[in-house]
Amino acid sequence: MSFVKQSLASAALSIALVCAFAMPASAQELKIGVVNVPLLMDRAPQTKAAMDALQEEFAPRQREFAASAKKLEDLTAKVQKDAAVMGEAERRTAEKDLRDLQREVARLQNEFQEDLNLRQNEELGKLQRALLVEVQGYAQTQGYDLVVGDGVLFASTAVNITEEVLRTIETNYNATSKR
């Protein structure tokens, strides 16, 4: 066999192998889905449960803040009402007490808001990770090759699987919360 014939045979074999391996990949259609992550986060039952738990966790501090704000309101009204009949020293003392209480209420409000924001961010991070696991599980179960989320500029309803994923998340949540 001549060198040219051997090269042609080798090339033909190479082309045949490439075609054989490429055919199944191109013949198979990819199953692609899109998930609207903000919508999923907003409507997942875990989100409501997490927000309810946070509200319950921070309710005592909210009541403490409300009581301090009411105390400040009452003291402000008293000082304004009695300022005309107070002596100079008594008025200065009342105004100092009022400023101190205003600072205390502002401090309580700032601490409350910072702590609440920190806890909300922690809970939302946990929730995002849990929903990602749910989406991945759904995609594997349903045979998806690719599921995209954030950064999608357009997705037709044919590939938008948000509602299906949400139903699965709700079913899984209800199954685990009833145990």
N, C-alpha and C. Protein backbone atom coordinates (compact mmCIF):
# COMPACT_ATOMS: atom_id res chain seq x y z
N MET A 1 0.86 -1.16 0.00
CA MET A 1 0.00 0.00 0.00
C MET A 1 0.90 1.22 0.00
N SER A 2 0.58 2.13 -0.84
CA SER A 2 1.43 3.31 -0.96
C SER A 2 1.13 4.27 0.18
N PHE A 3 2.03 5.18 0.37
CA PHE A 3 1.92 6.17 1.44
C PHE A 3 0.66 7.01 1.27
N VAL A 4 0.34 7.40 0.05
CA VAL A 4 -0.84 8.22 -0.24
C VAL A 4 -2.10 7.45 0.10
N LYS A 5 -2.17 6.18 -0.30
CA LYS A 5 -3.35 5.37 -0.02
C LYS A 5 -3.50 5.16 1.49
N GLN A 6 -2.39 4.98 2.17
CA GLN A 6 -2.41 4.78 3.63
C GLN A 6 -2.88 6.06 4.31
N SER A 7 -2.44 7.20 3.85
CA SER A 7 -2.85 8.49 4.42
C SER A 7 -4.33 8.73 4.17
N LEU A 8 -4.80 8.40 2.96
CA LEU A 8 -6.22 8.57 2.65
C LEU A 8 -7.08 7.63 3.49
N ALA A 9 -6.64 6.42 3.68
CA ALA A 9 -7.38 5.46 4.50
C ALA A 9 -7.42 5.93 5.95
N SER A 10 -6.30 6.42 6.42
CA SER A 10 -6.22 6.93 7.80
C SER A 10 -7.14 8.14 7.96
N ALA A 11 -7.13 9.04 6.98
CA ALA A 11 -7.98 10.23 7.03
C ALA A 11 -9.45 9.84 6.99
N ALA A 12 -9.80 8.87 6.14
CA ALA A 12 -11.18 8.41 6.03
C ALA A 12 -11.64 7.79 7.35
N LEU A 13 -10.76 7.01 7.98
CA LEU A 13 -11.08 6.39 9.26
C LEU A 13 -11.27 7.45 10.33
N SER A 14 -10.42 8.45 10.32
CA SER A 14 -10.53 9.55 11.29
C SER A 14 -11.84 10.30 11.12
N ILE A 15 -12.20 10.59 9.89
CA ILE A 15 -13.46 11.29 9.61
C ILE A 15 -14.64 10.44 10.04
N ALA A 16 -14.59 9.15 9.77
CA ALA A 16 -15.67 8.25 10.15
C ALA A 16 -15.82 8.21 11.68
N LEU A 17 -14.70 8.16 12.41
CA LEU A 17 -14.76 8.15 13.88
C LEU A 17 -15.33 9.45 14.43
N VAL A 18 -14.89 10.56 13.87
CA VAL A 18 -15.40 11.86 14.31
C VAL A 18 -16.90 11.94 14.08
N CYS A 19 -17.34 11.51 12.91
CA CYS A 19 -18.77 11.53 12.59
C CYS A 19 -19.55 10.60 13.51
N ALA A 20 -18.99 9.45 13.81
CA ALA A 20 -19.67 8.48 14.67
C ALA A 20 -19.87 9.05 16.07
N PHE A 21 -18.86 9.74 16.58
CA PHE A 21 -18.98 10.30 17.92
C PHE A 21 -19.79 11.60 17.93
N ALA A 22 -19.78 12.34 16.85
CA ALA A 22 -20.50 13.61 16.78
C ALA A 22 -21.98 13.41 16.54
N MET A 23 -22.36 12.36 15.86
CA MET A 23 -23.76 12.14 15.51
C MET A 23 -24.67 12.06 16.73
N PRO A 24 -24.37 11.25 17.74
CA PRO A 24 -25.28 11.18 18.88
C PRO A 24 -25.43 12.53 19.58
N ALA A 25 -24.37 13.30 19.67
CA ALA A 25 -24.44 14.59 20.35
C ALA A 25 -25.32 15.55 19.59
N SER A 26 -25.23 15.58 18.27
CA SER A 26 -26.03 16.52 17.50
C SER A 26 -27.45 16.01 17.29
N ALA A 27 -27.65 14.71 17.32
CA ALA A 27 -28.98 14.15 17.11
C ALA A 27 -29.85 14.35 18.35
N GLN A 28 -29.23 14.44 19.50
CA GLN A 28 -29.97 14.60 20.75
C GLN A 28 -30.25 16.08 20.99
N GLU A 29 -31.53 16.42 21.27
CA GLU A 29 -31.88 17.80 21.56
C GLU A 29 -31.61 18.09 23.04
N LEU A 30 -31.17 19.30 23.29
CA LEU A 30 -30.94 19.72 24.67
C LEU A 30 -32.26 20.16 25.29
N LYS A 31 -32.44 19.83 26.55
CA LYS A 31 -33.62 20.27 27.27
C LYS A 31 -33.18 21.43 28.15
N ILE A 32 -33.72 22.62 27.85
CA ILE A 32 -33.30 23.84 28.52
C ILE A 32 -34.50 24.46 29.22
N GLY A 33 -34.26 24.98 30.41
CA GLY A 33 -35.31 25.65 31.17
C GLY A 33 -34.80 26.95 31.76
N VAL A 34 -35.73 27.84 32.06
CA VAL A 34 -35.40 29.12 32.67
C VAL A 34 -36.21 29.26 33.95
N VAL A 35 -35.57 29.73 35.01
CA VAL A 35 -36.24 29.94 36.29
C VAL A 35 -36.11 31.41 36.66
N ASN A 36 -37.23 32.03 36.97
CA ASN A 36 -37.26 33.41 37.45
C ASN A 36 -36.98 33.36 38.95
N VAL A 37 -35.73 33.55 39.33
CA VAL A 37 -35.29 33.38 40.72
C VAL A 37 -35.98 34.38 41.66
N PRO A 38 -36.08 35.67 41.31
CA PRO A 38 -36.77 36.58 42.24
C PRO A 38 -38.22 36.18 42.49
N LEU A 39 -38.91 35.73 41.46
CA LEU A 39 -40.29 35.28 41.62
C LEU A 39 -40.33 34.05 42.51
N LEU A 40 -39.41 33.14 42.30
CA LEU A 40 -39.33 31.93 43.12
C LEU A 40 -39.09 32.30 44.59
N MET A 41 -38.15 33.22 44.81
CA MET A 41 -37.86 33.66 46.18
C MET A 41 -39.09 34.31 46.81
N ASP A 42 -39.80 35.09 46.03
CA ASP A 42 -40.95 35.82 46.55
C ASP A 42 -42.10 34.88 46.90
N ARG A 43 -42.33 33.85 46.09
CA ARG A 43 -43.51 33.01 46.25
C ARG A 43 -43.27 31.69 46.95
N ALA A 44 -42.04 31.35 47.25
CA ALA A 44 -41.76 30.07 47.91
C ALA A 44 -42.31 30.10 49.34
N PRO A 45 -42.89 29.00 49.77
CA PRO A 45 -43.43 28.98 51.14
C PRO A 45 -42.34 29.14 52.21
N GLN A 46 -41.12 28.75 51.88
CA GLN A 46 -40.01 28.91 52.81
C GLN A 46 -39.75 30.38 53.12
N THR A 47 -40.00 31.25 52.13
CA THR A 47 -39.78 32.68 52.33
C THR A 47 -40.74 33.20 53.39
N LYS A 48 -42.01 32.85 53.26
CA LYS A 48 -43.00 33.30 54.24
C LYS A 48 -42.68 32.74 55.61
N ALA A 49 -42.29 31.48 55.68
CA ALA A 49 -41.95 30.88 56.96
C ALA A 49 -40.75 31.58 57.60
N ALA A 50 -39.74 31.90 56.80
CA ALA A 50 -38.55 32.58 57.32
C ALA A 50 -38.90 33.99 57.81
N MET A 51 -39.73 34.70 57.04
CA MET A 51 -40.10 36.07 57.45
C MET A 51 -40.98 36.04 58.70
N ASP A 52 -41.87 35.06 58.81
CA ASP A 52 -42.69 34.93 60.01
C ASP A 52 -41.83 34.62 61.23
N ALA A 53 -40.83 33.75 61.05
CA ALA A 53 -39.92 33.42 62.15
C ALA A 53 -39.12 34.65 62.58
N LEU A 54 -38.67 35.44 61.62
CA LEU A 54 -37.94 36.67 61.95
C LEU A 54 -38.84 37.66 62.70
N GLN A 55 -40.07 37.77 62.24
CA GLN A 55 -41.00 38.68 62.91
C GLN A 55 -41.21 38.25 64.35
N GLU A 56 -41.35 36.95 64.56
CA GLU A 56 -41.53 36.42 65.92
C GLU A 56 -40.27 36.63 66.76
N GLU A 57 -39.11 36.42 66.15
CA GLU A 57 -37.84 36.59 66.85
C GLU A 57 -37.63 38.03 67.29
N PHE A 58 -38.04 38.99 66.46
CA PHE A 58 -37.79 40.39 66.76
C PHE A 58 -38.98 41.09 67.42
N ALA A 59 -40.07 40.39 67.65
CA ALA A 59 -41.26 41.00 68.26
C ALA A 59 -40.97 41.59 69.65
N PRO A 60 -40.23 40.90 70.53
CA PRO A 60 -39.96 41.52 71.84
C PRO A 60 -39.19 42.83 71.72
N ARG A 61 -38.21 42.87 70.84
CA ARG A 61 -37.45 44.11 70.66
C ARG A 61 -38.30 45.19 70.01
N GLN A 62 -39.21 44.79 69.14
CA GLN A 62 -40.12 45.75 68.53
C GLN A 62 -41.02 46.36 69.60
N ARG A 63 -41.50 45.53 70.53
CA ARG A 63 -42.35 46.03 71.62
C ARG A 63 -41.54 46.96 72.53
N GLU A 64 -40.28 46.59 72.81
CA GLU A 64 -39.41 47.44 73.64
C GLU A 64 -39.22 48.81 72.97
N PHE A 65 -38.97 48.80 71.68
CA PHE A 65 -38.80 50.06 70.95
C PHE A 65 -40.10 50.87 70.98
N ALA A 66 -41.23 50.23 70.77
CA ALA A 66 -42.52 50.93 70.77
C ALA A 66 -42.81 51.55 72.14
N ALA A 67 -42.46 50.82 73.20
CA ALA A 67 -42.66 51.35 74.55
C ALA A 67 -41.77 52.57 74.80
N SER A 68 -40.54 52.51 74.35
CA SER A 68 -39.63 53.65 74.51
C SER A 68 -40.11 54.85 73.69
N ALA A 69 -40.59 54.59 72.49
CA ALA A 69 -41.10 55.67 71.65
C ALA A 69 -42.34 56.31 72.30
N LYS A 70 -43.19 55.49 72.91
CA LYS A 70 -44.38 56.01 73.60
C LYS A 70 -43.97 56.84 74.81
N LYS A 71 -42.96 56.35 75.53
CA LYS A 71 -42.46 57.09 76.69
C LYS A 71 -41.91 58.45 76.26
N LEU A 72 -41.18 58.46 75.13
CA LEU A 72 -40.64 59.71 74.59
C LEU A 72 -41.78 60.65 74.19
N GLU A 73 -42.78 60.12 73.55
CA GLU A 73 -43.93 60.93 73.14
C GLU A 73 -44.63 61.55 74.35
N ASP A 74 -44.83 60.73 75.39
CA ASP A 74 -45.48 61.22 76.61
C ASP A 74 -44.64 62.29 77.29
N LEU A 75 -43.34 62.06 77.41
CA LEU A 75 -42.46 63.03 78.05
C LEU A 75 -42.41 64.33 77.26
N THR A 76 -42.38 64.23 75.92
CA THR A 76 -42.38 65.43 75.07
C THR A 76 -43.65 66.24 75.31
N ALA A 77 -44.77 65.57 75.35
CA ALA A 77 -46.05 66.25 75.59
C ALA A 77 -46.06 66.90 76.97
N LYS A 78 -45.55 66.20 77.97
CA LYS A 78 -45.53 66.73 79.35
C LYS A 78 -44.64 67.96 79.43
N VAL A 79 -43.43 67.88 78.83
CA VAL A 79 -42.50 69.00 78.88
C VAL A 79 -43.10 70.21 78.16
N GLN A 80 -43.71 70.00 77.01
CA GLN A 80 -44.32 71.11 76.27
C GLN A 80 -45.47 71.74 77.06
N LYS A 81 -46.25 70.90 77.71
CA LYS A 81 -47.40 71.39 78.47
C LYS A 81 -46.97 72.14 79.73
N ASP A 82 -45.97 71.59 80.43
CA ASP A 82 -45.57 72.15 81.72
C ASP A 82 -44.41 73.15 81.64
N ALA A 83 -43.87 73.38 80.47
CA ALA A 83 -42.69 74.25 80.33
C ALA A 83 -42.94 75.66 80.86
N ALA A 84 -44.13 76.18 80.67
CA ALA A 84 -44.43 77.55 81.09
C ALA A 84 -44.46 77.69 82.60
N VAL A 85 -44.83 76.63 83.32
CA VAL A 85 -44.95 76.73 84.78
C VAL A 85 -43.73 76.17 85.51
N MET A 86 -42.78 75.62 84.79
CA MET A 86 -41.58 75.05 85.41
C MET A 86 -40.59 76.16 85.75
N GLY A 87 -39.82 75.88 86.80
CA GLY A 87 -38.71 76.76 87.12
C GLY A 87 -37.57 76.49 86.14
N GLU A 88 -36.58 77.38 86.12
CA GLU A 88 -35.47 77.27 85.18
C GLU A 88 -34.73 75.94 85.34
N ALA A 89 -34.37 75.57 86.55
CA ALA A 89 -33.62 74.34 86.80
C ALA A 89 -34.45 73.11 86.44
N GLU A 90 -35.71 73.16 86.80
CA GLU A 90 -36.62 72.03 86.52
C GLU A 90 -36.79 71.86 85.01
N ARG A 91 -36.93 72.99 84.29
CA ARG A 91 -37.08 72.96 82.83
C ARG A 91 -35.82 72.40 82.17
N ARG A 92 -34.62 72.82 82.63
CA ARG A 92 -33.36 72.30 82.07
C ARG A 92 -33.24 70.80 82.31
N THR A 93 -33.61 70.37 83.50
CA THR A 93 -33.56 68.94 83.82
C THR A 93 -34.52 68.15 82.92
N ALA A 94 -35.72 68.67 82.73
CA ALA A 94 -36.71 68.00 81.89
C ALA A 94 -36.23 67.94 80.44
N GLU A 95 -35.65 69.05 79.95
CA GLU A 95 -35.14 69.07 78.57
C GLU A 95 -33.97 68.10 78.40
N LYS A 96 -33.09 68.00 79.43
CA LYS A 96 -31.98 67.05 79.39
C LYS A 96 -32.51 65.62 79.36
N ASP A 97 -33.49 65.33 80.21
CA ASP A 97 -34.10 63.99 80.23
C ASP A 97 -34.73 63.67 78.88
N LEU A 98 -35.34 64.68 78.29
CA LEU A 98 -35.96 64.50 76.98
C LEU A 98 -34.92 64.20 75.91
N ARG A 99 -33.81 64.94 75.89
CA ARG A 99 -32.73 64.68 74.93
C ARG A 99 -32.12 63.30 75.14
N ASP A 100 -31.91 62.92 76.40
CA ASP A 100 -31.35 61.60 76.70
C ASP A 100 -32.28 60.49 76.20
N LEU A 101 -33.56 60.68 76.42
CA LEU A 101 -34.53 59.67 75.97
C LEU A 101 -34.60 59.63 74.44
N GLN A 102 -34.50 60.80 73.79
CA GLN A 102 -34.48 60.83 72.33
C GLN A 102 -33.28 60.05 71.79
N ARG A 103 -32.12 60.24 72.40
CA ARG A 103 -30.91 59.49 71.99
C ARG A 103 -31.10 58.00 72.20
N GLU A 104 -31.67 57.65 73.34
CA GLU A 104 -31.89 56.23 73.65
C GLU A 104 -32.85 55.59 72.64
N VAL A 105 -33.92 56.28 72.30
CA VAL A 105 -34.88 55.76 71.32
C VAL A 105 -34.22 55.63 69.95
N ALA A 106 -33.43 56.63 69.55
CA ALA A 106 -32.73 56.57 68.26
C ALA A 106 -31.73 55.42 68.25
N ARG A 107 -31.03 55.21 69.36
CA ARG A 107 -30.07 54.10 69.45
C ARG A 107 -30.80 52.77 69.35
N LEU A 108 -31.89 52.63 70.09
CA LEU A 108 -32.67 51.38 70.03
C LEU A 108 -33.18 51.12 68.61
N GLN A 109 -33.64 52.17 67.94
CA GLN A 109 -34.15 52.00 66.58
C GLN A 109 -33.02 51.58 65.64
N ASN A 110 -31.87 52.23 65.74
CA ASN A 110 -30.74 51.88 64.87
C ASN A 110 -30.27 50.44 65.11
N GLU A 111 -30.11 50.06 66.38
CA GLU A 111 -29.67 48.70 66.70
C GLU A 111 -30.68 47.68 66.19
N PHE A 112 -31.96 47.97 66.42
CA PHE A 112 -33.01 47.07 65.98
C PHE A 112 -32.95 46.89 64.46
N GLN A 113 -32.85 48.00 63.73
CA GLN A 113 -32.85 47.94 62.26
C GLN A 113 -31.61 47.21 61.75
N GLU A 114 -30.44 47.49 62.33
CA GLU A 114 -29.21 46.81 61.91
C GLU A 114 -29.29 45.31 62.16
N ASP A 115 -29.76 44.93 63.35
CA ASP A 115 -29.86 43.50 63.69
C ASP A 115 -30.89 42.80 62.80
N LEU A 116 -32.00 43.47 62.56
CA LEU A 116 -33.03 42.89 61.69
C LEU A 116 -32.50 42.71 60.28
N ASN A 117 -31.82 43.72 59.74
CA ASN A 117 -31.26 43.61 58.39
C ASN A 117 -30.23 42.49 58.31
N LEU A 118 -29.39 42.37 59.32
CA LEU A 118 -28.39 41.30 59.35
C LEU A 118 -29.06 39.93 59.34
N ARG A 119 -30.06 39.75 60.19
CA ARG A 119 -30.75 38.46 60.25
C ARG A 119 -31.53 38.17 58.96
N GLN A 120 -32.13 39.21 58.37
CA GLN A 120 -32.84 39.00 57.10
C GLN A 120 -31.87 38.54 56.02
N ASN A 121 -30.72 39.17 55.96
CA ASN A 121 -29.71 38.77 54.97
C ASN A 121 -29.24 37.34 55.20
N GLU A 122 -29.04 36.96 56.47
CA GLU A 122 -28.65 35.57 56.78
C GLU A 122 -29.73 34.60 56.30
N GLU A 123 -30.97 34.90 56.64
CA GLU A 123 -32.07 34.01 56.27
C GLU A 123 -32.27 33.95 54.76
N LEU A 124 -32.15 35.08 54.09
CA LEU A 124 -32.30 35.08 52.63
C LEU A 124 -31.17 34.31 51.97
N GLY A 125 -29.96 34.38 52.52
CA GLY A 125 -28.84 33.59 51.99
C GLY A 125 -29.11 32.10 52.12
N LYS A 126 -29.59 31.69 53.30
CA LYS A 126 -29.93 30.27 53.50
C LYS A 126 -31.06 29.85 52.56
N LEU A 127 -32.03 30.73 52.40
CA LEU A 127 -33.16 30.45 51.53
C LEU A 127 -32.71 30.31 50.08
N GLN A 128 -31.84 31.19 49.63
CA GLN A 128 -31.34 31.11 48.25
C GLN A 128 -30.60 29.79 48.02
N ARG A 129 -29.77 29.39 48.99
CA ARG A 129 -29.05 28.12 48.85
C ARG A 129 -30.03 26.94 48.81
N ALA A 130 -31.05 26.97 49.65
CA ALA A 130 -32.03 25.88 49.69
C ALA A 130 -32.83 25.82 48.38
N LEU A 131 -33.21 26.98 47.85
CA LEU A 131 -33.97 26.99 46.60
C LEU A 131 -33.10 26.54 45.43
N LEU A 132 -31.81 26.87 45.46
CA LEU A 132 -30.89 26.40 44.42
C LEU A 132 -30.84 24.87 44.41
N VAL A 133 -30.77 24.28 45.59
CA VAL A 133 -30.77 22.82 45.70
C VAL A 133 -32.08 22.25 45.14
N GLU A 134 -33.20 22.91 45.46
CA GLU A 134 -34.50 22.47 44.95
C GLU A 134 -34.55 22.53 43.41
N VAL A 135 -34.05 23.64 42.85
CA VAL A 135 -34.05 23.79 41.39
C VAL A 135 -33.16 22.72 40.76
N GLN A 136 -32.00 22.49 41.34
CA GLN A 136 -31.09 21.47 40.81
C GLN A 136 -31.73 20.09 40.87
N GLY A 137 -32.39 19.80 41.97
CA GLY A 137 -33.07 18.51 42.09
C GLY A 137 -34.18 18.36 41.07
N TYR A 138 -34.96 19.41 40.89
CA TYR A 138 -36.03 19.38 39.88
C TYR A 138 -35.45 19.16 38.49
N ALA A 139 -34.40 19.90 38.17
CA ALA A 139 -33.78 19.79 36.84
C ALA A 139 -33.27 18.38 36.59
N GLN A 140 -32.64 17.79 37.57
CA GLN A 140 -32.13 16.42 37.40
C GLN A 140 -33.27 15.43 37.26
N THR A 141 -34.28 15.58 38.08
CA THR A 141 -35.43 14.66 38.03
C THR A 141 -36.16 14.75 36.70
N GLN A 142 -36.28 15.95 36.17
CA GLN A 142 -37.03 16.17 34.93
C GLN A 142 -36.16 16.03 33.68
N GLY A 143 -34.87 15.76 33.86
CA GLY A 143 -33.99 15.52 32.72
C GLY A 143 -33.54 16.76 31.97
N TYR A 144 -33.43 17.87 32.66
CA TYR A 144 -32.95 19.09 32.00
C TYR A 144 -31.44 19.04 31.83
N ASP A 145 -30.98 19.53 30.69
CA ASP A 145 -29.54 19.62 30.44
C ASP A 145 -29.00 20.96 30.93
N LEU A 146 -29.84 21.98 30.92
CA LEU A 146 -29.41 23.32 31.30
C LEU A 146 -30.60 24.07 31.87
N VAL A 147 -30.39 24.68 33.04
CA VAL A 147 -31.39 25.57 33.63
C VAL A 147 -30.67 26.85 33.99
N VAL A 148 -31.19 27.97 33.48
CA VAL A 148 -30.58 29.27 33.77
C VAL A 148 -31.53 30.09 34.61
N GLY A 149 -30.94 31.05 35.33
CA GLY A 149 -31.74 31.89 36.21
C GLY A 149 -31.45 33.35 35.97
N ASP A 150 -30.73 33.96 36.89
CA ASP A 150 -30.44 35.39 36.81
C ASP A 150 -29.72 35.74 35.52
N GLY A 151 -29.99 36.93 35.04
CA GLY A 151 -29.30 37.40 33.84
C GLY A 151 -30.02 37.08 32.55
N VAL A 152 -31.20 36.49 32.63
CA VAL A 152 -31.95 36.16 31.42
C VAL A 152 -32.71 37.40 30.98
N LEU A 153 -32.50 37.81 29.76
CA LEU A 153 -33.19 38.99 29.24
C LEU A 153 -34.53 38.64 28.62
N PHE A 154 -34.66 37.44 28.11
CA PHE A 154 -35.92 36.98 27.55
C PHE A 154 -35.97 35.46 27.63
N ALA A 155 -37.13 34.95 27.95
CA ALA A 155 -37.36 33.51 27.91
C ALA A 155 -38.82 33.29 27.52
N SER A 156 -39.03 32.48 26.52
CA SER A 156 -40.41 32.19 26.10
C SER A 156 -41.06 31.30 27.15
N THR A 157 -42.35 31.24 27.11
CA THR A 157 -43.07 30.40 28.07
C THR A 157 -42.76 28.92 27.86
N ALA A 158 -42.27 28.57 26.69
CA ALA A 158 -41.94 27.18 26.41
C ALA A 158 -40.78 26.68 27.27
N VAL A 159 -39.87 27.57 27.65
CA VAL A 159 -38.72 27.15 28.44
C VAL A 159 -38.78 27.65 29.88
N ASN A 160 -39.76 28.48 30.22
CA ASN A 160 -39.88 29.01 31.58
C ASN A 160 -40.50 27.94 32.48
N ILE A 161 -39.73 27.42 33.39
CA ILE A 161 -40.18 26.33 34.27
C ILE A 161 -40.40 26.80 35.70
N THR A 162 -40.48 28.11 35.91
CA THR A 162 -40.60 28.66 37.26
C THR A 162 -41.81 28.10 37.99
N GLU A 163 -42.97 28.09 37.35
CA GLU A 163 -44.19 27.61 38.01
C GLU A 163 -44.08 26.13 38.38
N GLU A 164 -43.51 25.31 37.50
CA GLU A 164 -43.34 23.90 37.80
C GLU A 164 -42.39 23.69 38.98
N VAL A 165 -41.31 24.45 38.97
CA VAL A 165 -40.34 24.35 40.07
C VAL A 165 -41.01 24.81 41.36
N LEU A 166 -41.78 25.89 41.31
CA LEU A 166 -42.46 26.40 42.50
C LEU A 166 -43.43 25.36 43.06
N ARG A 167 -44.18 24.70 42.18
CA ARG A 167 -45.10 23.65 42.65
C ARG A 167 -44.32 22.52 43.34
N THR A 168 -43.19 22.14 42.78
CA THR A 168 -42.36 21.10 43.39
C THR A 168 -41.82 21.57 44.75
N ILE A 169 -41.38 22.80 44.81
CA ILE A 169 -40.87 23.35 46.08
C ILE A 169 -41.98 23.35 47.13
N GLU A 170 -43.18 23.79 46.74
CA GLU A 170 -44.30 23.81 47.68
C GLU A 170 -44.64 22.40 48.16
N THR A 171 -44.64 21.45 47.24
CA THR A 171 -44.93 20.06 47.60
C THR A 171 -43.89 19.52 48.57
N ASN A 172 -42.61 19.75 48.26
CA ASN A 172 -41.53 19.29 49.13
C ASN A 172 -41.60 19.97 50.49
N TYR A 173 -41.90 21.27 50.51
CA TYR A 173 -41.98 22.01 51.77
C TYR A 173 -43.13 21.48 52.62
N ASN A 174 -44.29 21.28 51.99
CA ASN A 174 -45.44 20.76 52.74
C ASN A 174 -45.17 19.36 53.26
N ALA A 175 -44.47 18.54 52.50
CA ALA A 175 -44.16 17.18 52.93
C ALA A 175 -43.21 17.19 54.13
N THR A 176 -42.22 18.10 54.12
CA THR A 176 -41.26 18.12 55.24
C THR A 176 -41.80 18.88 56.44
N SER A 177 -42.69 19.84 56.25
CA SER A 177 -43.20 20.60 57.40
C SER A 177 -44.28 19.86 58.16
N LYS A 178 -44.86 18.82 57.56
CA LYS A 178 -45.91 18.05 58.24
C LYS A 178 -45.36 16.90 59.07
N ARG A 179 -44.06 16.67 58.97
CA ARG A 179 -43.46 15.57 59.73
C ARG A 179 -43.34 15.91 61.17
